Amino acid sequence: MIVCKFGGTSVADAACVARVCDLAAARRPEGCLVVVSAMARVTRRLLALGRLAEAGELPAARRQLGELFAQHREVAAEVADAARRAALDDPFAAEEKELGVLLAGIRRAGRLRPVASDRLLAAGELLSSRILAAALASREQPVAWIDPRELVATDERFGEARPDQPRTAAACERHARAHLAARRLVVTGGFVGVTRRGDTTTLGWDGSDTSAALLAAALGAELLEVFKDVDGVYTADPRSVPGARLVPHLSYREAAELTLLGAQVLHYATIPLAARAGTAVRVRNTFRPEAPGTLIRGVAGVPAVRGLAAAGPMSATRLPGRYPCHGLNGGSSWPSQARRLQSLTATKAGAPAGEALTWNGDAGERVALLSLVGASAADVAERAAAALAGRGALHAAGSRCDTHLSVLVPLAEAPAVLADLHQAFFSGPESSAEGC
C-alpha cells in the first residue's frame, strides 16, 4: 500500500481538489491512505483569529471565522454533489460553533493558550479532509473519512507534540486497516493528533509531512508520496538559485541532512520516520504529476555533493550548538524548531579540525548557514574554498555525521555565496546531483 500526502497549495481551491481526486483515485487499487493539509493560508488565518480574540477583538474574530467557513462551503459546493454537500452541513456547523465558543473562551482568558491554539489550528485539516472525502465520494470512489485524532496519538507538548508510535500503530489497525483491505480510499487530515486525555494537539508547523510518514510507518506502507507545488528536491532553492537542478535520487541520510540544515521541501522530522520503517519517499508535483520527482530511500552512493541548504537568519552572538545526526544514528528525531541546529564552531576553511575562531564581524551581525550536503568537509573543502575566495565565510564545524560542509556568511552576502557554491558544484555535466 501507499500513503499520499497533499500540501495546502494542492487543495487551495476547487480545481485543485478535483486534481487531487484524480491522483488519489488512480492509486486506490494499490491501497491508499490520503493525508491532506489545510487549504493554502488557512492555518495562518486561524492563528490570526486566535490573536484577535486574545486582543479582545471577538466580533472581528467571529466575522472572519464566518468568512473562512463560507470559503470552505463554496469549495465543497463546486466539488461535491448535493447529497454529499448536505452531509457536510452538520459537521461544518458543529465545528463552526465549537470554534466560536473557543474564541469566546480565549477572549475571556485574555490569552491564547497552547491547548486552545492547537484545537483552533486543527480545524483547517478537519475541514479540507472532509471536503476531499466528499469530492471523492461524489465521483463514486469508495472512500472512508477518518478524523486524524482517531489515528495519531501524541504526548501533551501542545504546539509541537511528539507522536506515540505504538499507540498510533494500534489506532491505525483499529480504524484504517479494514478500509484499506477493502480497497477504499482512506482520507484524513495531517498535522493533528490527540493526547491520552482526548485533547487535540498539532505536530508543529508544516507537520502534515510528519503525519504522513508516521501513518506510513504504522501501516507498513511501501511508499510515501509527498505532493507539493515543485517537481521534487532541487540542488538549491530554485527561488534563490534560478539554475537549480532537480535531484532524482537521495539517500535517507542526505535528505535528512538537507531538511535539518535548512532545505524546506520536507518537514525535518519526516525522513527519520521513513528511514526507520524502510518506507521509500517520493516528492512529486501535484500540478505536474507526470514528472518523476525525487526518490528518497536506501543508503548513499559515492560521496558527492547532492544539494545546498540554507538556514537563517541567526545572530552571530547566539550561534546554535553542536547538531546531531538527525535521528538516523540514535539522535533525537524530534528536535524543537528552535533547537534544530544545536551548536556550531567557526573555523577557517582548510584549517585543522577543531581550530575554533571567533566570528570576525559585528557582534550582533545577522548571519546565514550554508551547507553542502552529501560529501564530507574534507572531500570538498578545497573546491569550496576556491569558490569562496575573497569572501568572509567561515567553515562551521560541529556535526558528528561528517557528510557535509557548512559555512557561515553575513546574511546580506548569503544569496551571492549560495550562487557561487552552486556554480562551483553544479555547473557542468559532471554535476553530482544524480545522487545514489
Protein backbone atom coordinates (compact mmCIF):
# COMPACT_ATOMS: atom_id res chain seq x y z
CA MET A 1 0.00 0.00 0.00
CA ILE A 2 0.97 3.65 -0.31
CA VAL A 3 0.36 6.87 1.61
CA CYS A 4 -0.14 10.10 -0.34
CA LYS A 5 0.24 13.49 1.29
CA PHE A 6 -1.09 16.65 -0.36
CA GLY A 7 0.00 20.08 0.85
CA GLY A 8 -2.03 23.24 1.19
CA THR A 9 -1.41 24.53 -2.33
CA SER A 10 -2.57 21.15 -3.66
CA VAL A 11 -6.05 21.76 -2.18
CA ALA A 12 -6.14 25.54 -2.45
CA ASP A 13 -9.41 25.71 -4.44
CA ALA A 14 -11.99 23.57 -6.19
CA ALA A 15 -9.86 22.97 -9.29
CA CYS A 16 -7.00 21.78 -7.09
CA VAL A 17 -9.26 19.46 -5.12
CA ALA A 18 -10.52 17.94 -8.38
CA ARG A 19 -6.92 17.31 -9.46
CA VAL A 20 -6.16 15.60 -6.14
CA CYS A 21 -9.24 13.41 -6.62
CA ASP A 22 -7.82 12.17 -9.92
CA LEU A 23 -4.44 11.40 -8.38
CA ALA A 24 -5.94 9.61 -5.38
CA ALA A 25 -8.39 7.59 -7.46
CA ALA A 26 -5.55 6.33 -9.67
CA ARG A 27 -3.82 4.93 -6.59
CA ARG A 28 -6.83 3.29 -4.94
CA PRO A 29 -6.23 -0.21 -6.37
CA GLU A 30 -2.88 -0.34 -4.56
CA GLY A 31 -4.48 0.52 -1.24
CA CYS A 32 -4.07 4.21 -0.49
CA LEU A 33 -4.33 6.42 2.57
CA VAL A 34 -4.53 10.13 1.74
CA VAL A 35 -3.25 12.76 4.18
CA VAL A 36 -4.26 16.32 3.38
CA SER A 37 -3.13 19.68 4.75
CA ALA A 38 -5.38 22.66 5.38
CA MET A 39 -6.20 24.74 2.32
CA ALA A 40 -3.48 27.27 1.46
CA ARG A 41 -3.05 30.00 4.11
CA VAL A 42 -5.95 28.72 6.24
CA THR A 43 -3.76 27.74 9.20
CA ARG A 44 -2.31 31.26 9.33
CA ARG A 45 -5.81 32.71 9.17
CA LEU A 46 -6.94 30.52 12.06
CA LEU A 47 -3.97 31.65 14.13
CA ALA A 48 -4.89 35.26 13.34
CA LEU A 49 -8.40 34.60 14.68
CA GLY A 50 -6.92 33.42 17.95
CA ARG A 51 -4.74 36.52 18.17
CA LEU A 52 -7.75 38.75 17.54
CA ALA A 53 -9.71 37.05 20.32
CA GLU A 54 -6.70 37.28 22.62
CA ALA A 55 -6.56 41.03 21.97
CA GLY A 56 -10.25 41.42 22.82
CA GLU A 57 -11.44 41.74 19.20
CA LEU A 58 -14.04 38.97 19.45
CA PRO A 59 -16.57 40.44 16.94
CA ALA A 60 -13.87 40.70 14.28
CA ALA A 61 -12.67 37.17 15.05
CA ARG A 62 -16.19 35.79 14.72
CA ARG A 63 -16.77 37.66 11.45
CA GLN A 64 -13.58 36.28 9.95
CA LEU A 65 -14.44 32.81 11.21
CA GLY A 66 -17.70 33.02 9.29
CA GLU A 67 -15.83 34.10 6.17
CA LEU A 68 -13.45 31.16 6.47
CA PHE A 69 -16.30 28.66 6.74
CA ALA A 70 -18.08 30.32 3.81
CA GLN A 71 -14.96 29.77 1.71
CA HIS A 72 -14.90 26.07 2.58
CA ARG A 73 -18.62 25.68 1.85
CA GLU A 74 -18.10 27.32 -1.56
CA VAL A 75 -15.35 24.87 -2.43
CA ALA A 76 -17.49 21.96 -1.26
CA ALA A 77 -20.36 23.19 -3.44
CA GLU A 78 -18.10 23.03 -6.51
CA VAL A 79 -16.59 19.59 -5.93
CA ALA A 80 -19.35 17.58 -4.23
CA ASP A 81 -22.84 16.57 -5.33
CA ALA A 82 -25.94 17.72 -3.49
CA ALA A 83 -26.17 14.67 -1.24
CA ARG A 84 -22.54 14.86 -0.12
CA ARG A 85 -22.78 18.64 0.39
CA ALA A 86 -25.79 18.12 2.60
CA ALA A 87 -23.89 15.51 4.58
CA LEU A 88 -21.27 18.16 5.37
CA ASP A 89 -23.78 20.64 6.82
CA ASP A 90 -23.97 19.19 10.32
CA PRO A 91 -20.24 18.58 10.90
CA PHE A 92 -19.37 22.00 9.48
CA ALA A 93 -21.97 23.70 11.67
CA ALA A 94 -20.75 21.81 14.74
CA GLU A 95 -17.14 22.75 14.02
CA GLU A 96 -18.01 26.41 13.48
CA LYS A 97 -20.00 26.51 16.73
CA GLU A 98 -17.18 24.84 18.69
CA LEU A 99 -14.62 27.30 17.35
CA GLY A 100 -16.89 30.21 18.19
CA VAL A 101 -17.09 29.02 21.79
CA LEU A 102 -13.33 28.53 21.81
CA LEU A 103 -12.72 32.10 20.60
CA ALA A 104 -15.01 33.43 23.32
CA GLY A 105 -13.02 31.49 25.90
CA ILE A 106 -9.77 32.94 24.55
CA ARG A 107 -11.28 36.42 24.85
CA ARG A 108 -12.27 35.83 28.48
CA ALA A 109 -8.86 34.42 29.36
CA GLY A 110 -7.06 37.21 27.54
CA ARG A 111 -4.53 34.65 26.39
CA LEU A 112 -4.20 32.15 23.56
CA ARG A 113 -3.01 29.11 25.48
CA PRO A 114 -1.22 26.32 23.56
CA VAL A 115 -4.03 23.81 24.13
CA ALA A 116 -6.57 26.28 22.71
CA SER A 117 -4.28 27.20 19.82
CA ASP A 118 -3.90 23.55 18.81
CA ARG A 119 -7.65 22.99 18.80
CA LEU A 120 -8.16 26.12 16.73
CA LEU A 121 -5.44 25.33 14.17
CA ALA A 122 -6.62 21.73 13.75
CA ALA A 123 -9.81 22.97 12.09
CA GLY A 124 -8.07 23.58 8.77
CA GLU A 125 -7.20 19.92 8.25
CA LEU A 126 -10.54 18.71 9.60
CA LEU A 127 -12.38 20.81 7.02
CA SER A 128 -10.16 20.18 4.00
CA SER A 129 -10.08 16.42 4.55
CA ARG A 130 -13.88 16.25 4.83
CA ILE A 131 -14.23 18.19 1.57
CA LEU A 132 -11.80 15.89 -0.23
CA ALA A 133 -13.64 12.79 1.03
CA ALA A 134 -16.96 14.25 -0.13
CA ALA A 135 -15.49 15.06 -3.54
CA LEU A 136 -14.17 11.52 -3.95
CA ALA A 137 -17.49 10.02 -2.91
CA SER A 138 -19.26 12.25 -5.44
CA ARG A 139 -17.07 10.64 -8.11
CA GLU A 140 -18.29 7.22 -6.99
CA GLN A 141 -14.99 6.37 -5.36
CA PRO A 142 -15.25 4.09 -2.30
CA VAL A 143 -13.90 6.31 0.46
CA ALA A 144 -13.71 6.46 4.24
CA TRP A 145 -13.04 9.72 6.08
CA ILE A 146 -11.27 9.25 9.42
CA ASP A 147 -10.75 12.02 11.95
CA PRO A 148 -6.96 12.32 12.38
CA ARG A 149 -7.48 12.26 16.14
CA GLU A 150 -8.61 8.66 15.76
CA LEU A 151 -5.27 7.73 14.17
CA VAL A 152 -2.41 9.89 15.51
CA ALA A 153 -1.67 9.57 19.22
CA THR A 154 0.69 12.08 20.83
CA ASP A 155 2.03 13.40 24.10
CA GLU A 156 0.87 16.71 25.60
CA ARG A 157 3.51 19.06 24.16
CA PHE A 158 0.95 21.34 22.58
CA GLY A 159 2.22 23.20 19.54
CA GLU A 160 4.84 20.57 18.70
CA ALA A 161 3.55 17.28 20.04
CA ARG A 162 5.62 14.13 19.81
CA PRO A 163 3.81 11.14 18.31
CA ASP A 164 3.33 7.98 20.32
CA GLN A 165 4.17 5.41 17.67
CA PRO A 166 2.87 2.25 19.41
CA ARG A 167 -0.50 3.86 20.17
CA THR A 168 -0.67 5.27 16.65
CA ALA A 169 0.04 1.86 15.11
CA ALA A 170 -2.70 0.28 17.23
CA ALA A 171 -5.16 3.02 16.24
CA CYS A 172 -4.37 2.52 12.55
CA GLU A 173 -5.08 -1.19 12.87
CA ARG A 174 -8.42 -0.46 14.56
CA HIS A 175 -9.67 2.29 12.30
CA ALA A 176 -7.91 2.15 8.92
CA ARG A 177 -6.70 -1.35 8.11
CA ALA A 178 -10.08 -2.86 7.19
CA HIS A 179 -10.94 0.05 4.87
CA LEU A 180 -7.61 -0.30 3.09
CA ALA A 181 -8.04 -4.06 2.76
CA ALA A 182 -11.43 -3.40 1.11
CA ARG A 183 -9.65 -1.04 -1.35
CA ARG A 184 -11.37 2.05 -0.04
CA LEU A 185 -9.51 5.32 -0.15
CA VAL A 186 -8.90 6.44 3.42
CA VAL A 187 -8.80 10.23 3.81
CA THR A 188 -7.58 12.01 6.91
CA GLY A 189 -6.05 15.32 7.92
CA GLY A 190 -2.38 15.89 8.61
CA PHE A 191 -0.75 17.92 11.39
CA VAL A 192 -3.31 16.86 14.01
CA GLY A 193 -3.22 14.33 16.85
CA VAL A 194 -4.72 13.62 20.25
CA THR A 195 -3.47 13.07 23.80
CA ARG A 196 -4.46 10.23 26.09
CA ARG A 197 -6.92 12.63 27.74
CA GLY A 198 -8.56 13.44 24.42
CA ASP A 199 -7.11 16.93 23.90
CA THR A 200 -6.35 17.94 20.32
CA THR A 201 -2.67 18.50 19.50
CA THR A 202 -0.63 19.57 16.49
CA LEU A 203 2.74 18.23 15.36
CA GLY A 204 4.35 21.61 14.69
CA TRP A 205 4.20 23.99 11.77
CA ASP A 206 4.13 22.12 8.44
CA GLY A 207 3.68 18.89 10.40
CA SER A 208 1.44 17.20 7.81
CA ASP A 209 4.53 15.62 6.24
CA THR A 210 5.29 14.12 9.64
CA SER A 211 1.74 12.81 9.98
CA ALA A 212 2.04 11.10 6.63
CA ALA A 213 5.39 9.48 7.47
CA LEU A 214 4.06 8.37 10.86
CA LEU A 215 0.97 6.75 9.31
CA ALA A 216 3.03 5.15 6.54
CA ALA A 217 5.28 3.58 9.18
CA ALA A 218 2.32 2.43 11.26
CA LEU A 219 0.67 0.74 8.28
CA GLY A 220 3.84 -0.70 6.76
CA ALA A 221 3.43 1.26 3.53
CA GLU A 222 5.98 0.61 0.80
CA LEU A 223 5.88 4.18 -0.46
CA LEU A 224 5.09 7.65 0.82
CA GLU A 225 4.30 10.11 -1.97
CA VAL A 226 4.57 13.73 -0.85
CA PHE A 227 2.85 16.04 -3.34
CA LYS A 228 3.99 19.66 -3.38
CA ASP A 229 3.95 22.55 -5.83
CA VAL A 230 7.51 21.79 -7.02
CA ASP A 231 8.84 18.88 -9.06
CA GLY A 232 10.91 17.47 -6.19
CA VAL A 233 14.08 18.23 -4.26
CA TYR A 234 16.47 20.61 -6.01
CA THR A 235 20.19 21.19 -5.72
CA ALA A 236 19.25 24.53 -4.12
CA ASP A 237 16.10 26.54 -3.55
CA PRO A 238 15.06 27.44 -7.13
CA ARG A 239 13.55 30.69 -5.85
CA SER A 240 17.05 31.78 -4.79
CA VAL A 241 19.15 29.98 -7.43
CA PRO A 242 17.48 30.05 -10.87
CA GLY A 243 19.85 27.37 -12.20
CA ALA A 244 18.97 24.84 -9.50
CA ARG A 245 18.54 21.27 -10.78
CA LEU A 246 16.17 18.52 -9.80
CA VAL A 247 17.84 15.76 -7.77
CA PRO A 248 16.40 12.42 -8.97
CA HIS A 249 17.62 10.31 -6.03
CA LEU A 250 18.70 10.90 -2.44
CA SER A 251 19.58 8.58 0.39
CA TYR A 252 17.71 8.90 3.68
CA ARG A 253 20.76 10.47 5.28
CA GLU A 254 21.26 13.03 2.52
CA ALA A 255 17.60 14.04 2.61
CA ALA A 256 17.64 14.26 6.40
CA GLU A 257 20.71 16.48 6.37
CA LEU A 258 19.24 18.78 3.73
CA THR A 259 15.98 19.24 5.65
CA LEU A 260 17.62 19.72 9.04
CA LEU A 261 20.14 22.20 7.66
CA GLY A 262 17.51 24.41 6.07
CA ALA A 263 16.00 22.91 2.89
CA GLN A 264 12.26 23.39 3.20
CA VAL A 265 10.78 20.91 0.75
CA LEU A 266 10.05 18.40 3.55
CA HIS A 267 9.45 18.74 7.28
CA TYR A 268 12.67 17.82 9.08
CA ALA A 269 11.08 15.03 11.15
CA THR A 270 9.71 13.17 8.12
CA ILE A 271 12.81 11.36 6.88
CA PRO A 272 13.91 9.72 10.16
CA LEU A 273 10.44 8.16 10.49
CA ALA A 274 10.53 6.85 6.93
CA ALA A 275 14.10 5.58 7.28
CA ARG A 276 13.38 3.57 10.41
CA ALA A 277 10.34 1.97 8.78
CA GLY A 278 12.10 1.39 5.45
CA THR A 279 9.45 3.42 3.63
CA ALA A 280 10.59 4.95 0.34
CA VAL A 281 9.62 8.62 -0.10
CA ARG A 282 8.93 10.24 -3.45
CA VAL A 283 8.50 14.02 -3.62
CA ARG A 284 6.26 14.96 -6.55
CA ASN A 285 4.42 17.90 -8.08
CA THR A 286 0.63 17.91 -7.83
CA PHE A 287 0.45 20.15 -10.88
CA ARG A 288 2.91 18.10 -12.96
CA PRO A 289 2.23 14.54 -11.84
CA GLU A 290 3.95 13.16 -14.92
CA ALA A 291 7.30 14.45 -13.60
CA PRO A 292 9.23 11.65 -11.86
CA GLY A 293 10.10 13.74 -8.80
CA THR A 294 12.78 12.82 -6.27
CA LEU A 295 13.00 9.32 -4.80
CA ILE A 296 14.45 9.03 -1.27
CA ARG A 297 15.50 5.65 0.06
CA GLY A 298 18.43 3.41 1.00
CA VAL A 299 21.98 4.43 1.68
CA ALA A 300 24.23 6.94 -0.02
CA GLY A 301 26.18 6.06 -3.13
CA VAL A 302 29.57 7.53 -4.00
CA PRO A 303 30.11 10.56 -1.71
CA ALA A 304 29.38 13.72 -3.67
CA VAL A 305 27.55 16.97 -3.10
CA ARG A 306 23.86 16.39 -3.76
CA GLY A 307 22.49 19.78 -2.77
CA LEU A 308 22.82 23.07 -0.94
CA ALA A 309 20.79 24.04 2.12
CA ALA A 310 20.44 27.47 3.70
CA ALA A 311 19.38 28.29 7.25
CA GLY A 312 18.98 31.67 8.88
CA PRO A 313 18.92 34.41 9.73
CA MET A 314 20.62 33.82 13.06
CA SER A 315 22.65 36.07 15.32
CA ALA A 316 26.42 35.77 15.32
CA THR A 317 26.36 36.28 19.08
CA ARG A 318 23.95 33.37 19.62
CA LEU A 319 25.20 30.71 17.26
CA PRO A 320 23.45 27.42 17.99
CA GLY A 321 25.47 24.46 19.25
CA ARG A 322 26.58 21.01 18.03
CA TYR A 323 23.96 19.49 15.79
CA PRO A 324 23.13 15.78 15.88
CA CYS A 325 22.99 13.13 13.20
CA HIS A 326 19.30 13.80 12.58
CA GLY A 327 17.92 10.81 14.42
CA LEU A 328 19.39 8.27 11.98
CA ASN A 329 22.15 7.16 14.35
CA GLY A 330 20.36 7.41 17.65
CA GLY A 331 19.98 11.19 17.78
CA SER A 332 16.64 12.78 18.55
CA SER A 333 14.06 12.61 15.77
CA TRP A 334 12.01 15.35 17.31
CA PRO A 335 14.21 18.41 17.85
CA SER A 336 12.18 21.53 18.52
CA GLN A 337 12.23 24.11 15.75
CA ALA A 338 14.20 26.46 17.98
CA ARG A 339 16.93 23.85 18.55
CA ARG A 340 17.27 22.36 15.08
CA LEU A 341 20.88 23.49 14.98
CA GLN A 342 22.23 22.99 18.47
CA SER A 343 25.89 24.15 18.23
CA LEU A 344 28.44 25.38 15.76
CA THR A 345 32.14 26.11 15.97
CA ALA A 346 33.51 28.53 13.38
CA THR A 347 36.86 27.71 11.72
CA LYS A 348 38.62 28.84 8.59
CA ALA A 349 38.04 26.58 5.60
CA GLY A 350 41.01 24.21 5.40
CA ALA A 351 42.13 24.86 8.99
CA PRO A 352 42.90 21.90 11.26
CA ALA A 353 39.79 20.30 12.72
CA GLY A 354 38.74 21.88 15.98
CA GLU A 355 40.70 25.12 15.49
CA ALA A 356 37.99 27.45 16.69
CA LEU A 357 37.84 31.10 15.68
CA THR A 358 35.73 33.99 16.86
CA TRP A 359 33.27 35.45 14.37
CA ASN A 360 35.11 38.43 12.88
CA GLY A 361 32.07 40.53 12.03
CA ASP A 362 30.00 42.77 14.26
CA ALA A 363 28.89 41.13 17.49
CA GLY A 364 25.21 41.35 16.63
CA GLU A 365 25.53 40.67 12.92
CA ARG A 366 22.88 38.52 11.30
CA VAL A 367 24.36 35.51 9.55
CA ALA A 368 23.23 32.56 7.45
CA LEU A 369 24.42 28.95 7.49
CA LEU A 370 25.01 27.48 4.03
CA SER A 371 25.68 23.74 3.77
CA LEU A 372 27.00 21.47 1.03
CA VAL A 373 25.35 18.11 1.72
CA GLY A 374 26.35 14.66 0.50
CA ALA A 375 30.14 14.64 0.95
CA SER A 376 32.49 15.16 3.87
CA ALA A 377 34.04 18.53 4.56
CA ALA A 378 37.48 17.11 3.73
CA ASP A 379 36.34 15.95 0.28
CA VAL A 380 35.00 19.34 -0.83
CA ALA A 381 36.87 21.88 1.29
CA GLU A 382 39.44 22.82 -1.34
CA ARG A 383 36.87 23.28 -4.08
CA ALA A 384 34.57 25.23 -1.77
CA ALA A 385 37.46 27.45 -0.60
CA ALA A 386 38.24 28.35 -4.21
CA ALA A 387 34.61 29.29 -4.81
CA LEU A 388 34.58 31.43 -1.66
CA ALA A 389 37.92 33.16 -2.23
CA GLY A 390 37.68 36.80 -1.20
CA ARG A 391 34.50 36.34 0.82
CA GLY A 392 34.23 36.50 4.61
CA ALA A 393 32.89 32.98 5.03
CA LEU A 394 33.87 30.78 7.95
CA HIS A 395 33.77 27.00 7.96
CA ALA A 396 31.24 25.77 10.54
CA ALA A 397 32.32 22.51 12.15
CA GLY A 398 30.41 20.53 14.71
CA SER A 399 28.44 17.74 13.04
CA ARG A 400 29.04 14.17 14.13
CA CYS A 401 27.94 12.96 10.66
CA ASP A 402 30.87 14.23 8.57
CA THR A 403 28.67 14.24 5.48
CA HIS A 404 28.51 17.94 4.77
CA LEU A 405 30.47 21.17 4.85
CA SER A 406 28.85 24.32 6.24
CA VAL A 407 29.89 27.95 6.05
CA LEU A 408 28.68 30.95 7.99
CA VAL A 409 28.27 34.13 5.96
CA PRO A 410 26.86 37.60 6.62
CA LEU A 411 23.17 37.47 5.84
CA ALA A 412 23.41 40.10 3.10
CA GLU A 413 26.03 38.01 1.28
CA ALA A 414 24.15 34.72 1.50
CA PRO A 415 22.42 34.86 -1.93
CA ALA A 416 25.69 35.60 -3.74
CA VAL A 417 27.63 32.96 -1.82
CA LEU A 418 24.89 30.41 -2.47
CA ALA A 419 25.08 31.17 -6.19
CA ASP A 420 28.89 30.87 -6.15
CA LEU A 421 28.79 27.49 -4.44
CA HIS A 422 26.09 26.22 -6.76
CA GLN A 423 28.10 27.30 -9.79
CA ALA A 424 31.18 25.53 -8.42
CA PHE A 425 29.47 22.20 -7.79
CA PHE A 426 26.59 22.01 -10.26
CA SER A 427 27.59 23.98 -13.33
CA GLY A 428 28.79 21.19 -15.63
CA PRO A 429 27.91 17.70 -16.86
CA GLU A 430 29.99 16.27 -14.01
CA SER A 431 27.36 17.53 -11.58
CA SER A 432 26.76 15.15 -8.68
CA ALA A 433 23.03 15.86 -8.43
CA GLU A 434 22.15 12.40 -9.74
CA GLY A 435 22.56 11.03 -6.23
CA CYS A 436 22.83 7.40 -5.24
